[in-house]
Amino acid sequence: MKLGTPEILLILCVVLLLFGGKKIPELMKGLGQGVKEFKDASKTTEHKDENTPAEKK
């Protein structure tokens, strides 16, 4: 299922109605911090995996 422009606009309107204009910047800030933490954690995991010796069979 693909989201087109009308669907995205509808979702944005619903979010605006539910949370109001003042809460949206706070929500986006929290979302951005969550994405940043996720990326940092995945980089740390990749870095640890590179330093781990390969398993011997």
N, C-alpha and C. Protein backbone atom coordinates (compact mmCIF):
# COMPACT_ATOMS: atom_id res chain seq x y z
N MET A 1 0.84 -1.17 0.00
CA MET A 1 0.00 0.00 0.00
C MET A 1 0.88 1.24 0.00
N LYS A 2 0.68 2.10 -0.97
CA LYS A 2 1.47 3.31 -1.07
C LYS A 2 0.66 4.51 -0.59
N LEU A 3 1.34 5.43 0.04
CA LEU A 3 0.69 6.65 0.49
C LEU A 3 0.93 7.75 -0.54
N GLY A 4 -0.12 8.31 -1.03
CA GLY A 4 -0.02 9.41 -1.97
C GLY A 4 -0.15 10.73 -1.25
N THR A 5 -0.12 11.81 -2.00
CA THR A 5 -0.22 13.15 -1.43
C THR A 5 -1.53 13.36 -0.68
N PRO A 6 -2.68 12.96 -1.22
CA PRO A 6 -3.93 13.17 -0.47
C PRO A 6 -3.96 12.44 0.88
N GLU A 7 -3.42 11.24 0.92
CA GLU A 7 -3.40 10.49 2.17
C GLU A 7 -2.50 11.14 3.21
N ILE A 8 -1.34 11.61 2.76
CA ILE A 8 -0.40 12.27 3.68
C ILE A 8 -1.02 13.56 4.22
N LEU A 9 -1.67 14.33 3.36
CA LEU A 9 -2.32 15.55 3.81
C LEU A 9 -3.43 15.25 4.83
N LEU A 10 -4.19 14.19 4.60
CA LEU A 10 -5.24 13.81 5.53
C LEU A 10 -4.65 13.43 6.89
N ILE A 11 -3.58 12.68 6.87
CA ILE A 11 -2.92 12.28 8.12
C ILE A 11 -2.41 13.51 8.86
N LEU A 12 -1.80 14.45 8.15
CA LEU A 12 -1.30 15.67 8.78
C LEU A 12 -2.43 16.49 9.38
N CYS A 13 -3.56 16.56 8.70
CA CYS A 13 -4.71 17.30 9.23
C CYS A 13 -5.25 16.65 10.50
N VAL A 14 -5.31 15.34 10.53
CA VAL A 14 -5.79 14.63 11.71
C VAL A 14 -4.84 14.85 12.89
N VAL A 15 -3.53 14.79 12.63
CA VAL A 15 -2.55 15.03 13.68
C VAL A 15 -2.69 16.45 14.21
N LEU A 16 -2.87 17.41 13.32
CA LEU A 16 -3.02 18.80 13.73
C LEU A 16 -4.27 18.97 14.60
N LEU A 17 -5.35 18.32 14.23
CA LEU A 17 -6.58 18.42 15.01
C LEU A 17 -6.44 17.76 16.38
N LEU A 18 -5.76 16.62 16.43
CA LEU A 18 -5.61 15.90 17.68
C LEU A 18 -4.69 16.59 18.67
N PHE A 19 -3.56 17.08 18.20
CA PHE A 19 -2.54 17.60 19.10
C PHE A 19 -2.48 19.12 19.15
N GLY A 20 -3.01 19.80 18.16
CA GLY A 20 -2.94 21.26 18.15
C GLY A 20 -1.59 21.74 17.66
N GLY A 21 -1.54 22.98 17.24
CA GLY A 21 -0.33 23.56 16.66
C GLY A 21 0.83 23.70 17.62
N LYS A 22 0.54 23.86 18.92
CA LYS A 22 1.61 24.09 19.89
C LYS A 22 2.34 22.81 20.26
N LYS A 23 1.67 21.68 20.18
CA LYS A 23 2.29 20.42 20.58
C LYS A 23 3.12 19.78 19.47
N ILE A 24 2.86 20.11 18.23
CA ILE A 24 3.54 19.44 17.11
C ILE A 24 5.06 19.63 17.15
N PRO A 25 5.58 20.85 17.40
CA PRO A 25 7.05 20.96 17.48
C PRO A 25 7.67 20.06 18.56
N GLU A 26 6.98 19.93 19.69
CA GLU A 26 7.48 19.06 20.74
C GLU A 26 7.49 17.60 20.30
N LEU A 27 6.44 17.19 19.59
CA LEU A 27 6.36 15.82 19.10
C LEU A 27 7.46 15.54 18.08
N MET A 28 7.70 16.50 17.18
CA MET A 28 8.74 16.31 16.16
C MET A 28 10.12 16.27 16.79
N LYS A 29 10.34 17.08 17.82
CA LYS A 29 11.62 17.08 18.52
C LYS A 29 11.87 15.71 19.16
N GLY A 30 10.85 15.18 19.82
CA GLY A 30 10.96 13.86 20.44
C GLY A 30 11.20 12.78 19.41
N LEU A 31 10.51 12.87 18.29
CA LEU A 31 10.69 11.89 17.21
C LEU A 31 12.11 11.96 16.67
N GLY A 32 12.62 13.16 16.47
CA GLY A 32 13.98 13.34 15.96
C GLY A 32 15.02 12.77 16.91
N GLN A 33 14.82 13.00 18.21
CA GLN A 33 15.76 12.47 19.19
C GLN A 33 15.72 10.94 19.21
N GLY A 34 14.52 10.38 19.06
CA GLY A 34 14.40 8.92 19.02
C GLY A 34 15.11 8.32 17.83
N VAL A 35 14.96 8.95 16.67
CA VAL A 35 15.63 8.46 15.46
C VAL A 35 17.15 8.57 15.62
N LYS A 36 17.61 9.67 16.20
CA LYS A 36 19.05 9.86 16.41
C LYS A 36 19.61 8.79 17.34
N GLU A 37 18.91 8.52 18.44
CA GLU A 37 19.37 7.49 19.37
C GLU A 37 19.38 6.12 18.72
N PHE A 38 18.38 5.84 17.88
CA PHE A 38 18.33 4.56 17.19
C PHE A 38 19.52 4.41 16.25
N LYS A 39 19.83 5.46 15.50
CA LYS A 39 20.98 5.41 14.58
C LYS A 39 22.28 5.23 15.35
N ASP A 40 22.43 5.97 16.47
CA ASP A 40 23.64 5.84 17.27
C ASP A 40 23.79 4.41 17.81
N ALA A 41 22.68 3.84 18.27
CA ALA A 41 22.73 2.48 18.82
C ALA A 41 23.07 1.47 17.72
N SER A 42 22.54 1.67 16.53
CA SER A 42 22.83 0.72 15.46
C SER A 42 24.29 0.85 15.01
N LYS A 43 24.83 2.06 15.02
CA LYS A 43 26.25 2.23 14.67
C LYS A 43 27.13 1.57 15.72
N THR A 44 26.76 1.70 16.99
CA THR A 44 27.53 1.08 18.06
C THR A 44 27.52 -0.43 17.92
N THR A 45 26.36 -0.98 17.58
CA THR A 45 26.24 -2.43 17.40
C THR A 45 27.10 -2.90 16.23
N GLU A 46 27.05 -2.15 15.11
CA GLU A 46 27.88 -2.51 13.96
C GLU A 46 29.35 -2.44 14.31
N HIS A 47 29.74 -1.42 15.07
CA HIS A 47 31.13 -1.25 15.45
C HIS A 47 31.58 -2.42 16.32
N LYS A 48 30.74 -2.85 17.26
CA LYS A 48 31.09 -3.99 18.11
C LYS A 48 31.21 -5.27 17.30
N ASP A 49 30.32 -5.45 16.32
CA ASP A 49 30.36 -6.64 15.49
C ASP A 49 31.65 -6.72 14.68
N GLU A 50 32.16 -5.58 14.23
CA GLU A 50 33.39 -5.57 13.44
C GLU A 50 34.58 -5.97 14.29
N ASN A 51 34.55 -5.62 15.57
CA ASN A 51 35.68 -5.93 16.45
C ASN A 51 35.62 -7.33 17.04
N THR A 52 34.51 -8.02 16.87
CA THR A 52 34.36 -9.37 17.39
C THR A 52 35.00 -10.35 16.41
N PRO A 53 35.87 -11.22 16.90
CA PRO A 53 36.48 -12.21 15.97
C PRO A 53 35.42 -13.15 15.42
N ALA A 54 35.65 -13.60 14.21
CA ALA A 54 34.70 -14.51 13.55
C ALA A 54 34.69 -15.84 14.29
N GLU A 55 33.52 -16.46 14.33
CA GLU A 55 33.39 -17.75 14.99
C GLU A 55 34.08 -18.83 14.16
N LYS A 56 34.75 -19.72 14.85
CA LYS A 56 35.42 -20.83 14.16
C LYS A 56 34.47 -22.02 14.12
N LYS A 57 34.42 -22.67 12.98
CA LYS A 57 33.55 -23.84 12.83
C LYS A 57 34.34 -25.10 12.91
